[in-house]
N, C-alpha and C. Protein backbone atom coordinates (compact mmCIF):
# COMPACT_ATOMS: atom_id res chain seq x y z
N MET A 1 -47.83 46.97 -50.87
CA MET A 1 -46.71 46.24 -51.44
C MET A 1 -46.84 44.77 -51.06
N LYS A 2 -46.62 43.93 -52.05
CA LYS A 2 -46.68 42.49 -51.83
C LYS A 2 -45.41 42.04 -51.10
N VAL A 3 -45.56 41.17 -50.09
CA VAL A 3 -44.42 40.61 -49.36
C VAL A 3 -44.35 39.12 -49.65
N ILE A 4 -43.15 38.65 -49.97
CA ILE A 4 -42.95 37.25 -50.32
C ILE A 4 -41.80 36.68 -49.50
N LEU A 5 -42.06 35.56 -48.86
CA LEU A 5 -41.01 34.82 -48.15
C LEU A 5 -40.48 33.76 -49.10
N ALA A 6 -39.18 33.80 -49.37
CA ALA A 6 -38.56 32.86 -50.32
C ALA A 6 -38.21 31.56 -49.59
N SER A 7 -39.25 30.92 -49.05
CA SER A 7 -39.04 29.71 -48.25
C SER A 7 -40.35 28.97 -48.08
N LYS A 8 -40.25 27.67 -47.83
CA LYS A 8 -41.43 26.89 -47.45
C LYS A 8 -41.35 26.47 -45.99
N SER A 9 -40.34 26.95 -45.28
CA SER A 9 -40.12 26.58 -43.89
C SER A 9 -41.26 27.07 -43.00
N PRO A 10 -41.91 26.17 -42.27
CA PRO A 10 -42.97 26.60 -41.36
C PRO A 10 -42.43 27.49 -40.24
N ARG A 11 -41.18 27.28 -39.85
CA ARG A 11 -40.59 28.11 -38.80
C ARG A 11 -40.38 29.53 -39.29
N ARG A 12 -39.83 29.70 -40.49
CA ARG A 12 -39.63 31.05 -41.02
C ARG A 12 -40.97 31.75 -41.25
N LYS A 13 -41.95 31.00 -41.70
CA LYS A 13 -43.28 31.57 -41.92
C LYS A 13 -43.85 32.09 -40.59
N GLU A 14 -43.75 31.28 -39.55
CA GLU A 14 -44.24 31.68 -38.22
C GLU A 14 -43.53 32.94 -37.73
N LEU A 15 -42.23 33.01 -37.94
CA LEU A 15 -41.46 34.16 -37.46
C LEU A 15 -41.76 35.43 -38.26
N LEU A 16 -41.91 35.29 -39.59
CA LEU A 16 -42.21 36.48 -40.41
C LEU A 16 -43.59 37.04 -40.09
N GLN A 17 -44.49 36.19 -39.59
CA GLN A 17 -45.84 36.66 -39.22
C GLN A 17 -45.81 37.65 -38.07
N THR A 18 -44.69 37.73 -37.35
CA THR A 18 -44.59 38.73 -36.29
C THR A 18 -44.33 40.12 -36.86
N ILE A 19 -43.93 40.16 -38.14
CA ILE A 19 -43.67 41.45 -38.80
C ILE A 19 -44.77 41.79 -39.80
N PHE A 20 -45.19 40.82 -40.58
CA PHE A 20 -46.22 41.03 -41.61
C PHE A 20 -47.37 40.06 -41.39
N LYS A 21 -48.60 40.57 -41.46
CA LYS A 21 -49.76 39.68 -41.33
C LYS A 21 -50.01 38.92 -42.62
N ASP A 22 -49.85 39.63 -43.74
CA ASP A 22 -50.15 39.02 -45.04
C ASP A 22 -48.89 38.94 -45.89
N PHE A 23 -48.57 37.74 -46.30
CA PHE A 23 -47.47 37.52 -47.24
C PHE A 23 -47.66 36.14 -47.86
N GLU A 24 -46.97 35.93 -48.95
CA GLU A 24 -47.03 34.60 -49.56
C GLU A 24 -45.67 33.93 -49.47
N CYS A 25 -45.69 32.62 -49.54
CA CYS A 25 -44.46 31.83 -49.50
C CYS A 25 -44.21 31.24 -50.88
N ILE A 26 -43.07 31.58 -51.45
CA ILE A 26 -42.65 31.00 -52.73
C ILE A 26 -41.22 30.49 -52.52
N PRO A 27 -41.05 29.19 -52.36
CA PRO A 27 -39.69 28.68 -52.14
C PRO A 27 -38.84 28.79 -53.40
N SER A 28 -37.58 29.08 -53.18
CA SER A 28 -36.63 29.14 -54.30
C SER A 28 -36.44 27.74 -54.88
N GLN A 29 -36.36 27.67 -56.19
CA GLN A 29 -36.12 26.40 -56.87
C GLN A 29 -34.66 26.27 -57.31
N LYS A 30 -33.90 27.32 -57.07
CA LYS A 30 -32.52 27.36 -57.52
C LYS A 30 -31.65 26.45 -56.65
N GLU A 31 -30.77 25.70 -57.30
CA GLU A 31 -29.83 24.86 -56.57
C GLU A 31 -28.81 25.77 -55.89
N GLU A 32 -28.59 25.51 -54.60
CA GLU A 32 -27.66 26.34 -53.84
C GLU A 32 -26.24 26.13 -54.34
N LYS A 33 -25.55 27.25 -54.59
CA LYS A 33 -24.15 27.20 -55.01
C LYS A 33 -23.31 27.77 -53.89
N ILE A 34 -22.49 26.93 -53.30
CA ILE A 34 -21.66 27.35 -52.18
C ILE A 34 -20.26 27.68 -52.69
N ASP A 35 -19.85 28.90 -52.42
CA ASP A 35 -18.50 29.35 -52.77
C ASP A 35 -17.60 29.06 -51.58
N LYS A 36 -16.79 28.03 -51.70
CA LYS A 36 -15.94 27.56 -50.59
C LYS A 36 -14.88 28.59 -50.18
N LYS A 37 -14.68 29.62 -51.02
CA LYS A 37 -13.69 30.65 -50.68
C LYS A 37 -14.24 31.63 -49.65
N LEU A 38 -15.55 31.69 -49.51
CA LEU A 38 -16.17 32.61 -48.57
C LEU A 38 -16.12 32.05 -47.15
N ASN A 39 -16.05 32.94 -46.15
CA ASN A 39 -16.18 32.46 -44.78
C ASN A 39 -17.66 32.13 -44.54
N TYR A 40 -17.94 31.42 -43.46
CA TYR A 40 -19.30 30.93 -43.23
C TYR A 40 -20.32 32.06 -43.10
N LYS A 41 -19.92 33.22 -42.57
CA LYS A 41 -20.86 34.34 -42.46
C LYS A 41 -21.29 34.82 -43.84
N LYS A 42 -20.31 35.04 -44.72
CA LYS A 42 -20.61 35.50 -46.08
C LYS A 42 -21.33 34.41 -46.87
N MET A 43 -21.00 33.15 -46.58
CA MET A 43 -21.64 32.04 -47.27
C MET A 43 -23.15 32.01 -46.96
N ALA A 44 -23.51 32.16 -45.70
CA ALA A 44 -24.93 32.18 -45.31
C ALA A 44 -25.64 33.37 -45.96
N GLU A 45 -24.95 34.50 -45.98
CA GLU A 45 -25.50 35.70 -46.63
C GLU A 45 -25.75 35.43 -48.12
N LYS A 46 -24.75 34.85 -48.77
CA LYS A 46 -24.83 34.58 -50.22
C LYS A 46 -25.96 33.61 -50.53
N LEU A 47 -26.12 32.57 -49.70
CA LEU A 47 -27.20 31.60 -49.93
C LEU A 47 -28.57 32.25 -49.75
N SER A 48 -28.69 33.14 -48.76
CA SER A 48 -29.96 33.84 -48.57
C SER A 48 -30.24 34.77 -49.76
N GLU A 49 -29.17 35.37 -50.28
CA GLU A 49 -29.29 36.24 -51.45
C GLU A 49 -29.71 35.45 -52.69
N GLN A 50 -29.13 34.26 -52.88
CA GLN A 50 -29.51 33.42 -54.02
C GLN A 50 -30.99 33.07 -53.97
N LYS A 51 -31.49 32.72 -52.79
CA LYS A 51 -32.92 32.39 -52.64
C LYS A 51 -33.79 33.60 -52.95
N ALA A 52 -33.43 34.74 -52.36
CA ALA A 52 -34.23 35.96 -52.58
C ALA A 52 -34.22 36.37 -54.04
N GLU A 53 -33.04 36.33 -54.68
CA GLU A 53 -32.95 36.72 -56.10
C GLU A 53 -33.76 35.79 -56.99
N ASP A 54 -33.70 34.49 -56.73
CA ASP A 54 -34.45 33.53 -57.54
C ASP A 54 -35.95 33.84 -57.49
N VAL A 55 -36.48 34.05 -56.30
CA VAL A 55 -37.90 34.34 -56.15
C VAL A 55 -38.23 35.74 -56.69
N PHE A 56 -37.34 36.69 -56.49
CA PHE A 56 -37.54 38.05 -57.01
C PHE A 56 -37.70 38.00 -58.54
N LEU A 57 -36.86 37.21 -59.20
CA LEU A 57 -36.91 37.12 -60.67
C LEU A 57 -38.15 36.38 -61.16
N GLN A 58 -38.77 35.57 -60.30
CA GLN A 58 -39.99 34.84 -60.67
C GLN A 58 -41.25 35.70 -60.53
N THR A 59 -41.12 36.85 -59.89
CA THR A 59 -42.29 37.66 -59.56
C THR A 59 -42.16 39.05 -60.18
N THR A 60 -43.27 39.78 -60.16
CA THR A 60 -43.26 41.12 -60.76
C THR A 60 -44.03 42.09 -59.86
N GLY A 61 -43.94 43.36 -60.20
CA GLY A 61 -44.67 44.39 -59.48
C GLY A 61 -43.93 44.87 -58.24
N ASP A 62 -44.58 45.78 -57.54
CA ASP A 62 -44.01 46.28 -56.28
C ASP A 62 -44.03 45.15 -55.27
N ARG A 63 -42.86 44.81 -54.72
CA ARG A 63 -42.78 43.67 -53.83
C ARG A 63 -41.54 43.73 -52.96
N LEU A 64 -41.62 43.00 -51.86
CA LEU A 64 -40.48 42.78 -50.98
C LEU A 64 -40.29 41.28 -50.88
N VAL A 65 -39.09 40.81 -51.20
CA VAL A 65 -38.77 39.38 -51.11
C VAL A 65 -37.78 39.19 -49.96
N VAL A 66 -38.10 38.26 -49.08
CA VAL A 66 -37.26 37.97 -47.92
C VAL A 66 -36.66 36.57 -48.09
N GLY A 67 -35.33 36.51 -48.13
CA GLY A 67 -34.63 35.23 -48.22
C GLY A 67 -33.78 35.03 -46.98
N SER A 68 -33.68 33.78 -46.53
CA SER A 68 -32.89 33.48 -45.33
C SER A 68 -32.26 32.10 -45.47
N ASP A 69 -31.09 31.93 -44.87
CA ASP A 69 -30.43 30.63 -44.87
C ASP A 69 -29.67 30.47 -43.55
N THR A 70 -29.78 29.31 -42.95
CA THR A 70 -29.15 29.04 -41.67
C THR A 70 -28.17 27.89 -41.80
N MET A 71 -26.99 28.06 -41.20
CA MET A 71 -26.03 26.97 -41.17
C MET A 71 -25.40 26.85 -39.79
N VAL A 72 -25.05 25.62 -39.48
CA VAL A 72 -24.39 25.30 -38.21
C VAL A 72 -22.93 25.04 -38.52
N VAL A 73 -22.04 25.61 -37.69
CA VAL A 73 -20.60 25.49 -37.94
C VAL A 73 -19.89 25.06 -36.65
N LEU A 74 -19.07 24.04 -36.77
CA LEU A 74 -18.23 23.59 -35.66
C LEU A 74 -16.83 23.33 -36.21
N ASN A 75 -15.85 24.01 -35.64
CA ASN A 75 -14.45 23.85 -36.08
C ASN A 75 -14.30 24.02 -37.59
N LYS A 76 -14.95 25.06 -38.12
CA LYS A 76 -14.92 25.42 -39.54
C LYS A 76 -15.63 24.42 -40.45
N LYS A 77 -16.26 23.39 -39.88
CA LYS A 77 -17.03 22.43 -40.67
C LYS A 77 -18.49 22.86 -40.66
N ILE A 78 -19.10 22.90 -41.85
CA ILE A 78 -20.49 23.33 -41.98
C ILE A 78 -21.41 22.12 -41.94
N TYR A 79 -22.44 22.23 -41.10
CA TYR A 79 -23.44 21.18 -40.97
C TYR A 79 -24.74 21.68 -41.58
N GLY A 80 -25.14 21.08 -42.68
CA GLY A 80 -26.42 21.43 -43.31
C GLY A 80 -27.51 20.52 -42.80
N LYS A 81 -28.51 20.30 -43.62
CA LYS A 81 -29.58 19.36 -43.26
C LYS A 81 -29.05 17.94 -43.44
N PRO A 82 -29.44 17.02 -42.58
CA PRO A 82 -28.94 15.65 -42.71
C PRO A 82 -29.49 14.94 -43.94
N LYS A 83 -28.64 14.11 -44.55
CA LYS A 83 -29.07 13.33 -45.72
C LYS A 83 -29.98 12.19 -45.31
N ASP A 84 -29.70 11.63 -44.14
CA ASP A 84 -30.46 10.49 -43.63
C ASP A 84 -30.25 10.40 -42.12
N GLU A 85 -30.80 9.37 -41.50
CA GLU A 85 -30.70 9.23 -40.05
C GLU A 85 -29.26 9.02 -39.59
N ALA A 86 -28.47 8.30 -40.36
CA ALA A 86 -27.06 8.07 -39.99
C ALA A 86 -26.30 9.40 -39.99
N ASP A 87 -26.59 10.24 -40.96
CA ASP A 87 -25.96 11.55 -41.05
C ASP A 87 -26.39 12.42 -39.86
N ALA A 88 -27.67 12.37 -39.51
CA ALA A 88 -28.17 13.12 -38.35
C ALA A 88 -27.46 12.66 -37.08
N TYR A 89 -27.29 11.36 -36.93
CA TYR A 89 -26.60 10.82 -35.76
C TYR A 89 -25.17 11.37 -35.68
N LYS A 90 -24.46 11.33 -36.81
CA LYS A 90 -23.08 11.82 -36.85
C LYS A 90 -23.00 13.29 -36.43
N MET A 91 -23.91 14.09 -36.96
CA MET A 91 -23.92 15.52 -36.63
C MET A 91 -24.16 15.74 -35.14
N LEU A 92 -25.22 15.12 -34.62
CA LEU A 92 -25.58 15.33 -33.22
C LEU A 92 -24.49 14.81 -32.29
N LYS A 93 -23.87 13.70 -32.65
CA LYS A 93 -22.79 13.14 -31.84
C LYS A 93 -21.60 14.10 -31.80
N SER A 94 -21.28 14.70 -32.94
CA SER A 94 -20.13 15.60 -32.98
C SER A 94 -20.42 16.94 -32.29
N LEU A 95 -21.69 17.37 -32.23
CA LEU A 95 -22.06 18.61 -31.56
C LEU A 95 -22.26 18.41 -30.05
N SER A 96 -22.42 17.16 -29.63
CA SER A 96 -22.69 16.83 -28.24
C SER A 96 -21.63 17.39 -27.29
N GLY A 97 -22.09 18.11 -26.26
CA GLY A 97 -21.20 18.64 -25.24
C GLY A 97 -20.33 19.80 -25.69
N LYS A 98 -20.62 20.36 -26.86
CA LYS A 98 -19.77 21.42 -27.41
C LYS A 98 -20.58 22.68 -27.70
N THR A 99 -19.83 23.76 -27.89
CA THR A 99 -20.41 25.02 -28.33
C THR A 99 -20.12 25.17 -29.82
N HIS A 100 -21.16 25.46 -30.58
CA HIS A 100 -20.99 25.66 -32.02
C HIS A 100 -21.61 27.00 -32.42
N ILE A 101 -21.36 27.36 -33.65
CA ILE A 101 -21.85 28.63 -34.19
C ILE A 101 -23.05 28.35 -35.10
N VAL A 102 -24.05 29.19 -34.99
CA VAL A 102 -25.18 29.16 -35.92
C VAL A 102 -25.20 30.53 -36.60
N VAL A 103 -25.08 30.52 -37.91
CA VAL A 103 -25.12 31.78 -38.65
C VAL A 103 -26.32 31.75 -39.59
N THR A 104 -27.11 32.81 -39.54
CA THR A 104 -28.27 32.93 -40.41
C THR A 104 -28.08 34.16 -41.29
N GLY A 105 -28.08 33.91 -42.59
CA GLY A 105 -28.02 34.99 -43.55
C GLY A 105 -29.43 35.48 -43.84
N ILE A 106 -29.55 36.77 -44.10
CA ILE A 106 -30.84 37.37 -44.43
C ILE A 106 -30.64 38.33 -45.60
N CYS A 107 -31.53 38.25 -46.58
CA CYS A 107 -31.46 39.15 -47.72
C CYS A 107 -32.86 39.63 -48.07
N LEU A 108 -33.01 40.95 -48.16
CA LEU A 108 -34.28 41.56 -48.55
C LEU A 108 -34.08 42.29 -49.87
N ILE A 109 -34.98 42.03 -50.81
CA ILE A 109 -34.96 42.73 -52.09
C ILE A 109 -36.32 43.38 -52.28
N LYS A 110 -36.28 44.68 -52.49
CA LYS A 110 -37.52 45.45 -52.65
C LYS A 110 -37.53 46.08 -54.03
N GLU A 111 -38.69 46.02 -54.68
CA GLU A 111 -38.90 46.80 -55.90
C GLU A 111 -40.15 47.64 -55.70
N GLU A 112 -39.99 48.94 -55.94
CA GLU A 112 -41.12 49.85 -55.84
C GLU A 112 -41.00 50.88 -56.95
N ASN A 113 -42.05 51.00 -57.76
CA ASN A 113 -42.07 51.93 -58.89
C ASN A 113 -40.87 51.71 -59.81
N GLY A 114 -40.51 50.45 -60.02
CA GLY A 114 -39.43 50.11 -60.94
C GLY A 114 -38.02 50.28 -60.38
N ILE A 115 -37.92 50.70 -59.13
CA ILE A 115 -36.59 50.88 -58.52
C ILE A 115 -36.36 49.76 -57.51
N SER A 116 -35.21 49.07 -57.66
CA SER A 116 -34.88 47.94 -56.79
C SER A 116 -33.83 48.33 -55.77
N GLN A 117 -33.96 47.74 -54.59
CA GLN A 117 -32.97 47.89 -53.53
C GLN A 117 -32.75 46.51 -52.92
N LYS A 118 -31.52 46.27 -52.47
CA LYS A 118 -31.21 44.99 -51.85
C LYS A 118 -30.32 45.22 -50.64
N ILE A 119 -30.64 44.53 -49.54
CA ILE A 119 -29.81 44.55 -48.33
C ILE A 119 -29.61 43.11 -47.88
N CYS A 120 -28.35 42.73 -47.63
CA CYS A 120 -28.04 41.40 -47.12
C CYS A 120 -27.11 41.52 -45.92
N THR A 121 -27.32 40.67 -44.94
CA THR A 121 -26.45 40.65 -43.77
C THR A 121 -26.54 39.27 -43.12
N ASN A 122 -25.94 39.12 -41.95
CA ASN A 122 -26.00 37.85 -41.24
C ASN A 122 -26.03 38.10 -39.75
N VAL A 123 -26.49 37.08 -39.04
CA VAL A 123 -26.56 37.12 -37.58
C VAL A 123 -25.89 35.85 -37.07
N VAL A 124 -24.95 36.02 -36.13
CA VAL A 124 -24.19 34.89 -35.60
C VAL A 124 -24.56 34.66 -34.13
N SER A 125 -24.82 33.41 -33.79
CA SER A 125 -25.13 33.02 -32.42
C SER A 125 -24.26 31.83 -32.05
N LYS A 126 -24.08 31.63 -30.74
CA LYS A 126 -23.35 30.45 -30.26
C LYS A 126 -24.31 29.61 -29.42
N VAL A 127 -24.32 28.32 -29.69
CA VAL A 127 -25.22 27.39 -29.01
C VAL A 127 -24.38 26.28 -28.37
N THR A 128 -24.69 25.97 -27.12
CA THR A 128 -23.98 24.90 -26.41
C THR A 128 -24.95 23.78 -26.08
N PHE A 129 -24.58 22.56 -26.49
CA PHE A 129 -25.35 21.36 -26.16
C PHE A 129 -24.82 20.76 -24.86
N GLU A 130 -25.70 20.10 -24.14
CA GLU A 130 -25.24 19.24 -23.06
C GLU A 130 -24.63 17.99 -23.70
N LYS A 131 -23.94 17.19 -22.93
CA LYS A 131 -23.41 15.92 -23.43
C LYS A 131 -24.59 14.98 -23.65
N LEU A 132 -24.73 14.48 -24.87
CA LEU A 132 -25.86 13.63 -25.24
C LEU A 132 -25.47 12.15 -25.18
N THR A 133 -26.38 11.33 -24.69
CA THR A 133 -26.16 9.88 -24.74
C THR A 133 -26.61 9.36 -26.11
N ASP A 134 -26.15 8.19 -26.48
CA ASP A 134 -26.60 7.57 -27.73
C ASP A 134 -28.11 7.37 -27.70
N GLU A 135 -28.64 7.02 -26.55
CA GLU A 135 -30.08 6.80 -26.41
C GLU A 135 -30.85 8.10 -26.68
N GLU A 136 -30.35 9.23 -26.15
CA GLU A 136 -31.00 10.52 -26.38
C GLU A 136 -30.94 10.91 -27.86
N ILE A 137 -29.80 10.68 -28.48
CA ILE A 137 -29.66 11.00 -29.91
C ILE A 137 -30.61 10.16 -30.73
N ASN A 138 -30.61 8.85 -30.51
CA ASN A 138 -31.47 7.95 -31.30
C ASN A 138 -32.95 8.22 -31.08
N SER A 139 -33.32 8.55 -29.84
CA SER A 139 -34.71 8.87 -29.55
C SER A 139 -35.15 10.12 -30.31
N TYR A 140 -34.28 11.13 -30.32
CA TYR A 140 -34.60 12.36 -31.04
C TYR A 140 -34.69 12.12 -32.55
N ILE A 141 -33.77 11.35 -33.08
CA ILE A 141 -33.80 11.04 -34.52
C ILE A 141 -35.08 10.29 -34.89
N SER A 142 -35.49 9.35 -34.03
CA SER A 142 -36.69 8.56 -34.33
C SER A 142 -37.96 9.41 -34.34
N SER A 143 -37.90 10.61 -33.72
CA SER A 143 -39.06 11.51 -33.75
C SER A 143 -39.26 12.13 -35.14
N GLY A 144 -38.21 12.10 -35.97
CA GLY A 144 -38.29 12.69 -37.30
C GLY A 144 -38.00 14.18 -37.31
N GLU A 145 -37.97 14.80 -36.15
CA GLU A 145 -37.80 16.25 -36.04
C GLU A 145 -36.51 16.79 -36.65
N PRO A 146 -35.39 16.08 -36.55
CA PRO A 146 -34.14 16.69 -37.03
C PRO A 146 -33.92 16.64 -38.54
N MET A 147 -34.78 15.98 -39.27
CA MET A 147 -34.47 15.66 -40.66
C MET A 147 -34.51 16.84 -41.63
N ASP A 148 -35.14 17.95 -41.27
CA ASP A 148 -35.19 19.09 -42.20
C ASP A 148 -34.52 20.33 -41.60
N LYS A 149 -33.56 20.08 -40.70
CA LYS A 149 -32.96 21.21 -40.00
C LYS A 149 -31.44 21.19 -40.08
N ALA A 150 -30.86 22.36 -40.28
CA ALA A 150 -29.40 22.48 -40.29
C ALA A 150 -28.85 22.00 -38.96
N GLY A 151 -27.81 21.18 -39.01
CA GLY A 151 -27.21 20.65 -37.79
C GLY A 151 -28.01 19.53 -37.16
N SER A 152 -29.12 19.17 -37.77
CA SER A 152 -29.98 18.06 -37.32
C SER A 152 -30.73 18.34 -36.01
N TYR A 153 -30.97 19.62 -35.71
CA TYR A 153 -31.77 19.90 -34.52
C TYR A 153 -32.55 21.19 -34.70
N GLY A 154 -33.65 21.26 -33.97
CA GLY A 154 -34.45 22.48 -33.92
C GLY A 154 -34.46 22.99 -32.50
N ILE A 155 -34.00 24.20 -32.31
CA ILE A 155 -33.92 24.79 -30.97
C ILE A 155 -35.31 25.00 -30.36
N GLN A 156 -36.32 25.13 -31.22
CA GLN A 156 -37.67 25.42 -30.75
C GLN A 156 -38.49 24.17 -30.47
N GLY A 157 -37.99 23.01 -30.82
CA GLY A 157 -38.74 21.77 -30.65
C GLY A 157 -38.37 21.02 -29.38
N THR A 158 -38.57 19.72 -29.41
CA THR A 158 -38.31 18.90 -28.23
C THR A 158 -36.83 18.86 -27.86
N PHE A 159 -35.96 19.23 -28.80
CA PHE A 159 -34.52 19.20 -28.53
C PHE A 159 -34.10 20.30 -27.55
N ARG A 160 -34.95 21.28 -27.34
CA ARG A 160 -34.58 22.43 -26.50
C ARG A 160 -34.10 22.01 -25.11
N LYS A 161 -34.53 20.83 -24.64
CA LYS A 161 -34.11 20.38 -23.31
C LYS A 161 -32.62 20.04 -23.26
N HIS A 162 -31.98 19.91 -24.43
CA HIS A 162 -30.56 19.58 -24.50
C HIS A 162 -29.67 20.82 -24.72
N ILE A 163 -30.28 22.00 -24.80
CA ILE A 163 -29.53 23.23 -25.03
C ILE A 163 -29.12 23.82 -23.68
N LYS A 164 -27.83 23.84 -23.41
CA LYS A 164 -27.32 24.39 -22.14
C LYS A 164 -27.28 25.90 -22.17
N ASN A 165 -26.92 26.45 -23.33
CA ASN A 165 -26.73 27.90 -23.40
C ASN A 165 -26.88 28.37 -24.84
N ILE A 166 -27.40 29.57 -24.96
CA ILE A 166 -27.41 30.24 -26.26
C ILE A 166 -26.92 31.67 -26.04
N ASN A 167 -25.96 32.05 -26.84
CA ASN A 167 -25.42 33.40 -26.78
C ASN A 167 -25.69 34.02 -28.15
N GLY A 168 -26.76 34.79 -28.23
CA GLY A 168 -27.12 35.38 -29.51
C GLY A 168 -28.62 35.47 -29.69
N ASP A 169 -29.07 35.36 -30.93
CA ASP A 169 -30.46 35.55 -31.32
C ASP A 169 -31.17 34.20 -31.46
N PHE A 170 -32.04 33.90 -30.51
CA PHE A 170 -32.80 32.64 -30.54
C PHE A 170 -33.53 32.47 -31.87
N PHE A 171 -34.15 33.54 -32.36
CA PHE A 171 -34.95 33.44 -33.58
C PHE A 171 -34.08 33.22 -34.82
N ALA A 172 -32.87 33.76 -34.81
CA ALA A 172 -31.93 33.50 -35.90
C ALA A 172 -31.56 32.03 -35.92
N VAL A 173 -31.35 31.44 -34.74
CA VAL A 173 -31.06 30.00 -34.66
C VAL A 173 -32.25 29.21 -35.18
N MET A 174 -33.44 29.70 -34.92
CA MET A 174 -34.66 29.06 -35.39
C MET A 174 -34.82 29.17 -36.91
N GLY A 175 -34.21 30.21 -37.52
CA GLY A 175 -34.26 30.30 -38.98
C GLY A 175 -34.48 31.68 -39.57
N LEU A 176 -34.91 32.65 -38.75
CA LEU A 176 -35.13 34.00 -39.26
C LEU A 176 -34.91 35.00 -38.13
N PRO A 177 -33.88 35.84 -38.23
CA PRO A 177 -33.64 36.83 -37.19
C PRO A 177 -34.70 37.93 -37.25
N VAL A 178 -35.70 37.83 -36.38
CA VAL A 178 -36.87 38.70 -36.45
C VAL A 178 -36.49 40.17 -36.30
N ASN A 179 -35.73 40.49 -35.26
CA ASN A 179 -35.39 41.89 -35.04
C ASN A 179 -34.56 42.46 -36.18
N LYS A 180 -33.57 41.71 -36.65
CA LYS A 180 -32.72 42.19 -37.77
C LYS A 180 -33.58 42.35 -39.03
N THR A 181 -34.49 41.42 -39.28
CA THR A 181 -35.39 41.53 -40.44
C THR A 181 -36.25 42.79 -40.32
N TYR A 182 -36.77 43.03 -39.13
CA TYR A 182 -37.59 44.22 -38.88
C TYR A 182 -36.79 45.50 -39.12
N GLU A 183 -35.55 45.53 -38.61
CA GLU A 183 -34.68 46.69 -38.83
C GLU A 183 -34.44 46.94 -40.31
N LEU A 184 -34.17 45.87 -41.07
CA LEU A 184 -33.93 46.01 -42.50
C LEU A 184 -35.19 46.48 -43.23
N CYS A 185 -36.35 46.01 -42.80
CA CYS A 185 -37.61 46.47 -43.40
C CYS A 185 -37.79 47.97 -43.17
N LYS A 186 -37.43 48.45 -41.98
CA LYS A 186 -37.52 49.89 -41.70
C LYS A 186 -36.55 50.67 -42.59
N LYS A 187 -35.34 50.13 -42.77
CA LYS A 187 -34.36 50.80 -43.65
C LYS A 187 -34.88 50.92 -45.08
N LEU A 188 -35.62 49.89 -45.51
CA LEU A 188 -36.18 49.89 -46.87
C LEU A 188 -37.53 50.61 -46.94
N ASN A 189 -37.97 51.17 -45.84
CA ASN A 189 -39.25 51.90 -45.77
C ASN A 189 -40.45 51.06 -46.19
N VAL A 190 -40.47 49.81 -45.74
CA VAL A 190 -41.64 48.97 -46.02
C VAL A 190 -42.48 48.78 -44.75
N ILE A 191 -42.02 49.39 -43.66
CA ILE A 191 -42.77 49.36 -42.39
C ILE A 191 -42.90 50.81 -41.92
């Protein structure tokens, strides 16, 4: 069975390699539609489902499509990827010294012998930053690292020195909940 990751994220690719040796990456081209009526958990799930469905419809044959979406939430405000350096600064400044939620939606769609199955869920973690100085924020932004990441930081990169605590799934915060993905693959009998 062909396995497809509905993403171009190098982090998600690295994490999926712990489950599958061979797969291809086809990023979704669909514009994300956020339903503001959904809570952030369902919203992350829905966005992962949109990505998986878009790639599923672009492909044929027996296949498993894996879609994932990560969002950072503080006081019910959702932090996506920063638009620019000023936006990254605002995000990091507001997250400084606080505990926020990281929710990663995951959606797997399998087709085998013309029969399709879909499973979607989410994983919630809590991350606490130390209090950041303006110098630390600006230094991190100048590295370029935060520009393609929800909440303007990557837990696996140089920013890790500013993480005081994580309560939850490190890999989900990174972009793909490995254990949950593996469990769902077993449910779908692809492992």
